[in-house]
C-alpha atoms as a PDB file:
ATOM      1  CA  MET A   1     -39.852  65.785 146.750  1.00  0.00           C
ATOM      2  CA  SER A   2     -41.640  63.465 149.157  1.00  0.00           C
ATOM      3  CA  ASP A   3     -40.503  62.008 152.444  1.00  0.00           C
ATOM      4  CA  TYR A   4     -38.917  58.606 151.940  1.00  0.00           C
ATOM      5  CA  LYS A   5     -38.289  55.795 154.407  1.00  0.00           C
ATOM      6  CA  ALA A   6     -35.183  54.334 152.758  1.00  0.00           C
ATOM      7  CA  PHE A   7     -33.707  57.462 151.158  1.00  0.00           C
ATOM      8  CA  ARG A   8     -32.863  61.083 151.734  1.00  0.00           C
ATOM      9  CA  VAL A   9     -33.172  63.242 148.594  1.00  0.00           C
ATOM     10  CA  GLU A  10     -31.867  66.793 148.269  1.00  0.00           C
ATOM     11  CA  LEU A  11     -31.655  69.121 145.278  1.00  0.00           C
ATOM     12  CA  SER A  12     -29.055  71.898 145.190  1.00  0.00           C
ATOM     13  CA  ASP A  13     -27.395  73.706 142.277  1.00  0.00           C
ATOM     14  CA  LYS A  14     -29.107  71.403 139.772  1.00  0.00           C
ATOM     15  CA  ILE A  15     -27.596  68.306 141.440  1.00  0.00           C
ATOM     16  CA  ALA A  16     -29.898  65.746 143.056  1.00  0.00           C
ATOM     17  CA  HIS A  17     -28.235  63.964 145.970  1.00  0.00           C
ATOM     18  CA  VAL A  18     -29.926  60.584 146.436  1.00  0.00           C
ATOM     19  CA  GLN A  19     -28.677  58.966 149.627  1.00  0.00           C
ATOM     20  CA  ILE A  20     -29.572  55.491 150.851  1.00  0.00           C
ATOM     21  CA  ASN A  21     -30.556  56.294 154.417  1.00  0.00           C
ATOM     22  CA  ARG A  22     -30.604  53.145 156.522  1.00  0.00           C
ATOM     23  CA  PRO A  23     -27.165  53.362 158.164  1.00  0.00           C
ATOM     24  CA  GLU A  24     -28.303  51.383 161.203  1.00  0.00           C
ATOM     25  CA  LYS A  25     -29.005  48.451 158.826  1.00  0.00           C
ATOM     26  CA  ILE A  26     -25.830  48.954 156.731  1.00  0.00           C
ATOM     27  CA  ASN A  27     -28.134  50.492 154.099  1.00  0.00           C
ATOM     28  CA  ALA A  28     -29.629  47.084 153.314  1.00  0.00           C
ATOM     29  CA  MET A  29     -32.216  47.210 150.538  1.00  0.00           C
ATOM     30  CA  ASN A  30     -35.599  46.572 152.152  1.00  0.00           C
ATOM     31  CA  ALA A  31     -39.058  46.654 150.566  1.00  0.00           C
ATOM     32  CA  ASP A  32     -39.265  50.449 150.825  1.00  0.00           C
ATOM     33  CA  PHE A  33     -35.948  50.796 148.999  1.00  0.00           C
ATOM     34  CA  TRP A  34     -37.104  48.893 145.914  1.00  0.00           C
ATOM     35  CA  THR A  35     -40.310  50.889 145.440  1.00  0.00           C
ATOM     36  CA  GLU A  36     -38.998  54.305 146.449  1.00  0.00           C
ATOM     37  CA  ILE A  37     -36.021  54.250 144.087  1.00  0.00           C
ATOM     38  CA  ILE A  38     -38.404  54.027 141.122  1.00  0.00           C
ATOM     39  CA  ASP A  39     -40.412  57.027 142.362  1.00  0.00           C
ATOM     40  CA  ILE A  40     -37.222  59.008 142.977  1.00  0.00           C
ATOM     41  CA  PHE A  41     -35.715  58.404 139.563  1.00  0.00           C
ATOM     42  CA  ASN A  42     -39.027  59.029 137.812  1.00  0.00           C
ATOM     43  CA  TRP A  43     -39.118  62.391 139.604  1.00  0.00           C
ATOM     44  CA  ILE A  44     -35.515  63.091 138.571  1.00  0.00           C
ATOM     45  CA  ASP A  45     -36.230  62.158 134.971  1.00  0.00           C
ATOM     46  CA  ASP A  46     -39.282  64.433 134.801  1.00  0.00           C
ATOM     47  CA  ASN A  47     -37.701  67.397 136.615  1.00  0.00           C
ATOM     48  CA  ASP A  48     -35.758  69.606 134.213  1.00  0.00           C
ATOM     49  CA  THR A  49     -34.090  71.478 137.079  1.00  0.00           C
ATOM     50  CA  VAL A  50     -32.147  68.279 137.850  1.00  0.00           C
ATOM     51  CA  ARG A  51     -29.149  67.906 135.542  1.00  0.00           C
ATOM     52  CA  VAL A  52     -27.055  65.275 137.322  1.00  0.00           C
ATOM     53  CA  VAL A  53     -27.427  62.803 140.207  1.00  0.00           C
ATOM     54  CA  VAL A  54     -25.038  61.790 142.984  1.00  0.00           C
ATOM     55  CA  LEU A  55     -25.963  58.454 144.587  1.00  0.00           C
ATOM     56  CA  SER A  56     -24.417  57.689 147.979  1.00  0.00           C
ATOM     57  CA  GLY A  57     -24.988  55.781 151.210  1.00  0.00           C
ATOM     58  CA  ALA A  58     -25.354  57.318 154.680  1.00  0.00           C
ATOM     59  CA  GLY A  59     -22.948  56.262 157.390  1.00  0.00           C
ATOM     60  CA  LYS A  60     -19.892  54.031 157.102  1.00  0.00           C
ATOM     61  CA  HIS A  61     -21.110  51.887 154.217  1.00  0.00           C
ATOM     62  CA  PHE A  62     -22.665  52.371 150.793  1.00  0.00           C
ATOM     63  CA  SER A  63     -24.872  49.276 151.028  1.00  0.00           C
ATOM     64  CA  SER A  64     -24.705  45.647 152.151  1.00  0.00           C
ATOM     65  CA  GLY A  65     -27.142  44.649 149.389  1.00  0.00           C
ATOM     66  CA  ILE A  66     -30.609  43.172 149.564  1.00  0.00           C
ATOM     67  CA  ASP A  67     -32.180  42.912 153.006  1.00  0.00           C
ATOM     68  CA  LEU A  68     -32.192  39.204 153.894  1.00  0.00           C
ATOM     69  CA  GLN A  69     -35.582  39.611 155.587  1.00  0.00           C
ATOM     70  CA  LEU A  70     -37.001  40.505 152.184  1.00  0.00           C
ATOM     71  CA  LEU A  71     -35.668  37.238 150.765  1.00  0.00           C
ATOM     72  CA  ALA A  72     -37.067  35.317 153.717  1.00  0.00           C
ATOM     73  CA  GLN A  73     -40.495  36.893 153.204  1.00  0.00           C
ATOM     74  CA  ALA A  74     -40.459  35.916 149.530  1.00  0.00           C
ATOM     75  CA  GLY A  75     -39.591  32.348 150.451  1.00  0.00           C
ATOM     76  CA  SER A  76     -42.317  32.135 153.081  1.00  0.00           C
ATOM     77  CA  ARG A  77     -44.989  32.913 150.493  1.00  0.00           C
ATOM     78  CA  LEU A  78     -44.173  29.906 148.315  1.00  0.00           C
ATOM     79  CA  GLY A  79     -46.652  27.046 148.193  1.00  0.00           C
ATOM     80  CA  ASN A  80     -46.528  23.440 147.016  1.00  0.00           C
ATOM     81  CA  ASP A  81     -47.047  24.025 143.301  1.00  0.00           C
ATOM     82  CA  VAL A  82     -43.755  24.410 141.438  1.00  0.00           C
ATOM     83  CA  GLY A  83     -45.316  26.172 138.466  1.00  0.00           C
ATOM     84  CA  ARG A  84     -47.074  28.798 140.580  1.00  0.00           C
ATOM     85  CA  ASN A  85     -43.974  29.277 142.713  1.00  0.00           C
ATOM     86  CA  ALA A  86     -41.887  29.857 139.600  1.00  0.00           C
ATOM     87  CA  ASP A  87     -44.401  32.361 138.235  1.00  0.00           C
ATOM     88  CA  ALA A  88     -44.481  34.295 141.526  1.00  0.00           C
ATOM     89  CA  LEU A  89     -40.678  34.345 141.839  1.00  0.00           C
ATOM     90  CA  ARG A  90     -40.269  35.457 138.243  1.00  0.00           C
ATOM     91  CA  ARG A  91     -42.651  38.374 138.737  1.00  0.00           C
ATOM     92  CA  LYS A  92     -40.825  39.366 141.928  1.00  0.00           C
ATOM     93  CA  ILE A  93     -37.433  39.311 140.210  1.00  0.00           C
ATOM     94  CA  LEU A  94     -38.768  41.427 137.336  1.00  0.00           C
ATOM     95  CA  GLN A  95     -40.100  43.957 139.870  1.00  0.00           C
ATOM     96  CA  LEU A  96     -36.653  44.202 141.467  1.00  0.00           C
ATOM     97  CA  GLN A  97     -35.013  44.557 138.059  1.00  0.00           C
ATOM     98  CA  ALA A  98     -37.354  47.450 137.266  1.00  0.00           C
ATOM     99  CA  SER A  99     -35.938  49.351 140.256  1.00  0.00           C
ATOM    100  CA  PHE A 100     -32.430  49.453 138.806  1.00  0.00           C
ATOM    101  CA  ASN A 101     -33.717  49.847 135.250  1.00  0.00           C
ATOM    102  CA  ALA A 102     -35.121  53.171 136.480  1.00  0.00           C
ATOM    103  CA  VAL A 103     -31.572  54.237 137.362  1.00  0.00           C
ATOM    104  CA  ASP A 104     -30.111  52.979 134.079  1.00  0.00           C
ATOM    105  CA  ASN A 105     -32.891  54.558 132.004  1.00  0.00           C
ATOM    106  CA  CYS A 106     -32.642  57.958 133.709  1.00  0.00           C
ATOM    107  CA  ARG A 107     -31.802  60.665 131.151  1.00  0.00           C
ATOM    108  CA  LYS A 108     -29.494  62.428 133.623  1.00  0.00           C
ATOM    109  CA  PRO A 109     -25.987  61.115 134.460  1.00  0.00           C
ATOM    110  CA  VAL A 110     -25.835  59.184 137.746  1.00  0.00           C
ATOM    111  CA  LEU A 111     -22.565  59.214 139.716  1.00  0.00           C
ATOM    112  CA  ALA A 112     -22.125  56.656 142.506  1.00  0.00           C
ATOM    113  CA  ALA A 113     -20.015  57.591 145.552  1.00  0.00           C
ATOM    114  CA  ILE A 114     -19.066  54.386 147.379  1.00  0.00           C
ATOM    115  CA  GLN A 115     -17.492  53.842 150.783  1.00  0.00           C
ATOM    116  CA  GLY A 116     -17.333  50.776 153.025  1.00  0.00           C
ATOM    117  CA  TYR A 117     -19.398  47.797 151.916  1.00  0.00           C
ATOM    118  CA  CYS A 118     -20.737  47.538 148.375  1.00  0.00           C
ATOM    119  CA  LEU A 119     -22.038  43.990 148.317  1.00  0.00           C
ATOM    120  CA  GLY A 120     -24.442  41.834 146.347  1.00  0.00           C
ATOM    121  CA  GLY A 121     -27.375  43.946 145.208  1.00  0.00           C
ATOM    122  CA  ALA A 122     -25.282  47.075 145.659  1.00  0.00           C
ATOM    123  CA  ILE A 123     -23.086  45.880 142.773  1.00  0.00           C
ATOM    124  CA  ASP A 124     -26.240  45.563 140.671  1.00  0.00           C
ATOM    125  CA  LEU A 125     -27.095  49.147 141.617  1.00  0.00           C
ATOM    126  CA  ILE A 126     -23.738  50.739 140.814  1.00  0.00           C
ATOM    127  CA  SER A 127     -23.597  48.790 137.544  1.00  0.00           C
ATOM    128  CA  ALA A 128     -26.682  50.777 136.484  1.00  0.00           C
ATOM    129  CA  CYS A 129     -24.927  54.100 137.180  1.00  0.00           C
ATOM    130  CA  ASP A 130     -22.946  56.103 134.639  1.00  0.00           C
ATOM    131  CA  MET A 131     -19.776  56.420 136.697  1.00  0.00           C
ATOM    132  CA  ARG A 132     -18.524  55.019 139.979  1.00  0.00           C
ATOM    133  CA  TYR A 133     -16.061  56.497 142.515  1.00  0.00           C
ATOM    134  CA  SER A 134     -14.945  55.033 145.829  1.00  0.00           C
ATOM    135  CA  THR A 135     -12.709  55.332 148.842  1.00  0.00           C
ATOM    136  CA  VAL A 136      -9.490  53.328 148.661  1.00  0.00           C
ATOM    137  CA  ASP A 137     -10.685  50.989 151.413  1.00  0.00           C
ATOM    138  CA  ALA A 138     -14.168  50.342 149.978  1.00  0.00           C
ATOM    139  CA  GLN A 139     -15.083  46.645 149.719  1.00  0.00           C
ATOM    140  CA  PHE A 140     -16.815  45.214 146.644  1.00  0.00           C
ATOM    141  CA  SER A 141     -18.185  41.701 146.287  1.00  0.00           C
ATOM    142  CA  ILE A 142     -20.699  39.857 144.105  1.00  0.00           C
ATOM    143  CA  LYS A 143     -22.007  37.937 147.121  1.00  0.00           C
ATOM    144  CA  GLU A 144     -24.882  36.087 145.480  1.00  0.00           C
ATOM    145  CA  ILE A 145     -22.696  33.051 144.710  1.00  0.00           C
ATOM    146  CA  ASP A 146     -22.148  32.574 148.466  1.00  0.00           C
ATOM    147  CA  MET A 147     -25.912  32.562 148.974  1.00  0.00           C
ATOM    148  CA  GLY A 148     -26.382  29.731 146.484  1.00  0.00           C
ATOM    149  CA  MET A 149     -27.854  31.841 143.696  1.00  0.00           C
ATOM    150  CA  ALA A 150     -26.954  33.737 140.535  1.00  0.00           C
ATOM    151  CA  ALA A 151     -27.104  37.534 140.648  1.00  0.00           C
ATOM    152  CA  ASP A 152     -30.357  38.436 138.947  1.00  0.00           C
ATOM    153  CA  VAL A 153     -30.861  42.225 139.106  1.00  0.00           C
ATOM    154  CA  GLY A 154     -28.333  43.443 136.531  1.00  0.00           C
ATOM    155  CA  THR A 155     -24.755  42.651 137.588  1.00  0.00           C
ATOM    156  CA  LEU A 156     -24.226  39.793 135.136  1.00  0.00           C
ATOM    157  CA  GLN A 157     -25.780  41.802 132.308  1.00  0.00           C
ATOM    158  CA  ARG A 158     -24.199  45.244 132.843  1.00  0.00           C
ATOM    159  CA  LEU A 159     -20.877  44.569 134.549  1.00  0.00           C
ATOM    160  CA  PRO A 160     -19.143  42.825 131.580  1.00  0.00           C
ATOM    161  CA  ARG A 161     -19.438  46.097 129.654  1.00  0.00           C
ATOM    162  CA  ILE A 162     -17.706  47.902 132.519  1.00  0.00           C
ATOM    163  CA  ILE A 163     -14.882  45.596 133.659  1.00  0.00           C
ATOM    164  CA  GLY A 164     -14.784  43.014 130.863  1.00  0.00           C
ATOM    165  CA  ASP A 165     -16.158  39.487 130.639  1.00  0.00           C
ATOM    166  CA  GLY A 166     -13.259  37.563 132.173  1.00  0.00           C
ATOM    167  CA  MET A 167     -12.922  39.696 135.299  1.00  0.00           C
ATOM    168  CA  MET A 168     -16.679  39.733 135.790  1.00  0.00           C
ATOM    169  CA  ARG A 169     -16.703  35.921 135.652  1.00  0.00           C
ATOM    170  CA  GLU A 170     -13.900  35.664 138.213  1.00  0.00           C
ATOM    171  CA  LEU A 171     -15.678  37.920 140.687  1.00  0.00           C
ATOM    172  CA  ALA A 172     -19.084  36.312 140.062  1.00  0.00           C
ATOM    173  CA  TYR A 173     -17.822  32.717 140.376  1.00  0.00           C
ATOM    174  CA  THR A 174     -15.651  33.276 143.468  1.00  0.00           C
ATOM    175  CA  GLY A 175     -17.511  36.026 145.323  1.00  0.00           C
ATOM    176  CA  ARG A 176     -14.138  37.351 146.452  1.00  0.00           C
ATOM    177  CA  THR A 177     -13.865  40.843 147.900  1.00  0.00           C
ATOM    178  CA  ILE A 178     -11.814  43.539 146.199  1.00  0.00           C
ATOM    179  CA  ASP A 179     -10.877  46.938 147.620  1.00  0.00           C
ATOM    180  CA  GLY A 180     -11.115  50.344 146.006  1.00  0.00           C
ATOM    181  CA  ALA A 181      -7.563  50.204 144.653  1.00  0.00           C
ATOM    182  CA  GLU A 182      -8.248  46.981 142.742  1.00  0.00           C
ATOM    183  CA  ALA A 183     -11.655  48.273 141.709  1.00  0.00           C
ATOM    184  CA  GLN A 184      -9.893  51.196 140.037  1.00  0.00           C
ATOM    185  CA  ARG A 185      -7.360  48.898 138.329  1.00  0.00           C
ATOM    186  CA  ILE A 186     -10.133  46.851 136.730  1.00  0.00           C
ATOM    187  CA  ALA A 187     -12.142  50.013 135.852  1.00  0.00           C
ATOM    188  CA  LEU A 188     -15.040  49.266 138.171  1.00  0.00           C
ATOM    189  CA  VAL A 189     -14.483  52.737 139.600  1.00  0.00           C
ATOM    190  CA  ASN A 190     -13.084  55.742 137.753  1.00  0.00           C
ATOM    191  CA  ARG A 191     -11.131  57.139 140.672  1.00  0.00           C
ATOM    192  CA  THR A 192     -10.471  56.516 144.372  1.00  0.00           C
ATOM    193  CA  PHE A 193     -10.257  58.915 147.305  1.00  0.00           C
ATOM    194  CA  ASP A 194      -8.592  58.644 150.699  1.00  0.00           C
ATOM    195  CA  ASP A 195     -11.740  59.015 152.789  1.00  0.00           C
ATOM    196  CA  GLN A 196     -15.489  59.611 152.608  1.00  0.00           C
ATOM    197  CA  ALA A 197     -15.251  63.389 152.925  1.00  0.00           C
ATOM    198  CA  SER A 198     -12.823  63.737 150.023  1.00  0.00           C
ATOM    199  CA  LEU A 199     -14.882  61.208 148.058  1.00  0.00           C
ATOM    200  CA  LEU A 200     -18.030  63.321 148.290  1.00  0.00           C
ATOM    201  CA  ASP A 201     -16.112  66.537 147.597  1.00  0.00           C
ATOM    202  CA  GLY A 202     -14.572  65.000 144.498  1.00  0.00           C
ATOM    203  CA  VAL A 203     -17.780  63.453 143.158  1.00  0.00           C
ATOM    204  CA  PHE A 204     -19.803  66.619 143.695  1.00  0.00           C
ATOM    205  CA  GLY A 205     -17.044  68.557 141.925  1.00  0.00           C
ATOM    206  CA  ILE A 206     -17.430  66.303 138.868  1.00  0.00           C
ATOM    207  CA  ALA A 207     -21.223  66.596 139.138  1.00  0.00           C
ATOM    208  CA  ARG A 208     -20.969  70.404 139.089  1.00  0.00           C
ATOM    209  CA  GLU A 209     -18.849  70.246 135.925  1.00  0.00           C
ATOM    210  CA  ILE A 210     -21.544  68.165 134.238  1.00  0.00           C
ATOM    211  CA  ALA A 211     -24.352  70.397 135.535  1.00  0.00           C
ATOM    212  CA  ASP A 212     -22.703  73.394 133.862  1.00  0.00           C
ATOM    213  CA  LYS A 213     -22.939  71.790 130.421  1.00  0.00           C
ATOM    214  CA  SER A 214     -25.864  71.955 128.017  1.00  0.00           C
ATOM    215  CA  PRO A 215     -28.548  69.597 129.368  1.00  0.00           C
ATOM    216  CA  ILE A 216     -29.591  68.827 125.782  1.00  0.00           C
ATOM    217  CA  ALA A 217     -26.026  67.808 124.933  1.00  0.00           C
ATOM    218  CA  VAL A 218     -25.527  65.758 128.105  1.00  0.00           C
ATOM    219  CA  ARG A 219     -28.805  63.863 127.721  1.00  0.00           C
ATOM    220  CA  GLY A 220     -28.150  63.239 124.047  1.00  0.00           C
ATOM    221  CA  THR A 221     -24.671  61.931 124.824  1.00  0.00           C
ATOM    222  CA  LYS A 222     -25.996  59.549 127.483  1.00  0.00           C
ATOM    223  CA  HIS A 223     -28.740  58.334 125.181  1.00  0.00           C
ATOM    224  CA  MET A 224     -26.245  57.568 122.415  1.00  0.00           C
ATOM    225  CA  ILE A 225     -23.888  55.726 124.771  1.00  0.00           C
ATOM    226  CA  ARG A 226     -26.751  53.557 126.059  1.00  0.00           C
ATOM    227  CA  TYR A 227     -27.965  52.890 122.516  1.00  0.00           C
ATOM    228  CA  MET A 228     -24.520  51.636 121.464  1.00  0.00           C
ATOM    229  CA  ARG A 229     -24.459  48.940 124.152  1.00  0.00           C
ATOM    230  CA  ASP A 230     -26.837  46.839 122.064  1.00  0.00           C
ATOM    231  CA  HIS A 231     -26.261  48.003 118.469  1.00  0.00           C
ATOM    232  CA  ARG A 232     -23.647  47.941 115.724  1.00  0.00           C
ATOM    233  CA  VAL A 233     -21.441  50.917 114.934  1.00  0.00           C
ATOM    234  CA  ASP A 234     -23.265  51.679 111.682  1.00  0.00           C
ATOM    235  CA  ASP A 235     -26.613  51.578 113.515  1.00  0.00           C
ATOM    236  CA  GLY A 236     -25.267  54.035 116.082  1.00  0.00           C
ATOM    237  CA  LEU A 237     -23.889  56.411 113.480  1.00  0.00           C
ATOM    238  CA  ASP A 238     -27.196  56.469 111.630  1.00  0.00           C
ATOM    239  CA  TYR A 239     -29.130  56.982 114.869  1.00  0.00           C
ATOM    240  CA  VAL A 240     -26.973  59.877 116.099  1.00  0.00           C
ATOM    241  CA  ALA A 241     -27.328  61.541 112.674  1.00  0.00           C
ATOM    242  CA  ASN A 242     -31.105  61.417 113.025  1.00  0.00           C
ATOM    243  CA  TRP A 243     -30.891  62.581 116.637  1.00  0.00           C
ATOM    244  CA  ASN A 244     -28.645  65.555 115.940  1.00  0.00           C
ATOM    245  CA  ALA A 245     -30.674  66.581 112.915  1.00  0.00           C
ATOM    246  CA  ALA A 246     -33.140  67.786 115.545  1.00  0.00           C
ATOM    247  CA  MET A 247     -30.922  68.548 118.526  1.00  0.00           C
ATOM    248  CA  LEU A 248     -28.420  70.730 116.655  1.00  0.00           C
ATOM    249  CA  GLN A 249     -31.270  73.197 116.179  1.00  0.00           C
ATOM    250  CA  SER A 250     -31.319  73.789 119.953  1.00  0.00           C
ATOM    251  CA  ALA A 251     -30.451  77.250 121.244  1.00  0.00           C
ATOM    252  CA  ASP A 252     -27.814  75.527 123.409  1.00  0.00           C
ATOM    253  CA  LEU A 253     -25.517  75.178 120.406  1.00  0.00           C
ATOM    254  CA  ARG A 254     -25.567  78.928 119.725  1.00  0.00           C
ATOM    255  CA  VAL A 255     -25.099  79.691 123.431  1.00  0.00           C
ATOM    256  CA  ALA A 256     -22.126  77.313 123.668  1.00  0.00           C
ATOM    257  CA  ILE A 257     -20.410  78.703 120.566  1.00  0.00           C
ATOM    258  CA  ALA A 258     -20.935  82.320 121.648  1.00  0.00           C
ATOM    259  CA  ALA A 259     -19.557  81.570 125.118  1.00  0.00           C
ATOM    260  CA  HIS A 260     -16.526  79.810 123.659  1.00  0.00           C
ATOM    261  CA  MET A 261     -15.728  82.662 121.300  1.00  0.00           C
ATOM    262  CA  SER A 262     -16.150  85.312 124.001  1.00  0.00           C
ATOM    263  CA  LYS A 263     -14.338  83.171 126.614  1.00  0.00           C
ATOM    264  CA  GLN A 264     -17.329  83.537 128.935  1.00  0.00           C
ATOM    265  CA  LYS A 265     -19.150  80.850 130.924  1.00  0.00           C
ATOM    266  CA  ALA A 266     -22.215  79.537 129.107  1.00  0.00           C
ATOM    267  CA  GLU A 267     -25.566  79.688 130.892  1.00  0.00           C
ATOM    268  CA  PHE A 268     -28.025  77.121 129.591  1.00  0.00           C
ATOM    269  CA  ALA A 269     -31.767  76.986 130.174  1.00  0.00           C
ATOM    270  CA  ASP A 270     -33.100  73.926 132.001  1.00  0.00           C
END
């Protein structure tokens, strides 16, 4: 692991803790954030000792979203030619999208632990995670509408599959803030906790459960779930048959069955 400016990354017991580490700036997503998150998740994806990821924010808040200075810098670089401006903005947006695609495409499950503000770009980020958990008093908002723009880094594409189309439209059109309790009711988060300490304890407990499972089985399960977002049921059934034709030959299957029959804990290779 390298030293990062916008993150703190720790690996313990096969769990990578990726923490946004700009608490003095409400964990706003600056230029370092957008490049470093790709490097971090590429490292996670390539490192077989990592089986699951917990994503959190240092301090009182998860993240206030994109750093407004970054937007101002992008605007200051525009010239007089509309076509060239559009081309430059499009390339910049695609670069930002790639940052959260790295989270979504990661083979390991990513669990978001959210407290305080989760605004704008932070909604894009948690939408790319596998599961989301929050404190009861966390605050969620798709803030882009109040900035005169449409969210463009994944919220409008991923969130309908999490909370449903109608609720996503309401939150995206109004920009209204919801708390953790409502976030749980609409299935934006799986579970809420009373405070940040119990939130992290609970999320790391779930992460440890996942880390104890066969990494082949967990990665295969995530891959199939992601595949089904964009395919028909019959496509998915055919694909998982092809997948398991290979993966069922893994030693993990024999280890899991033997452990179950002997009522012992299974120990899987990385």
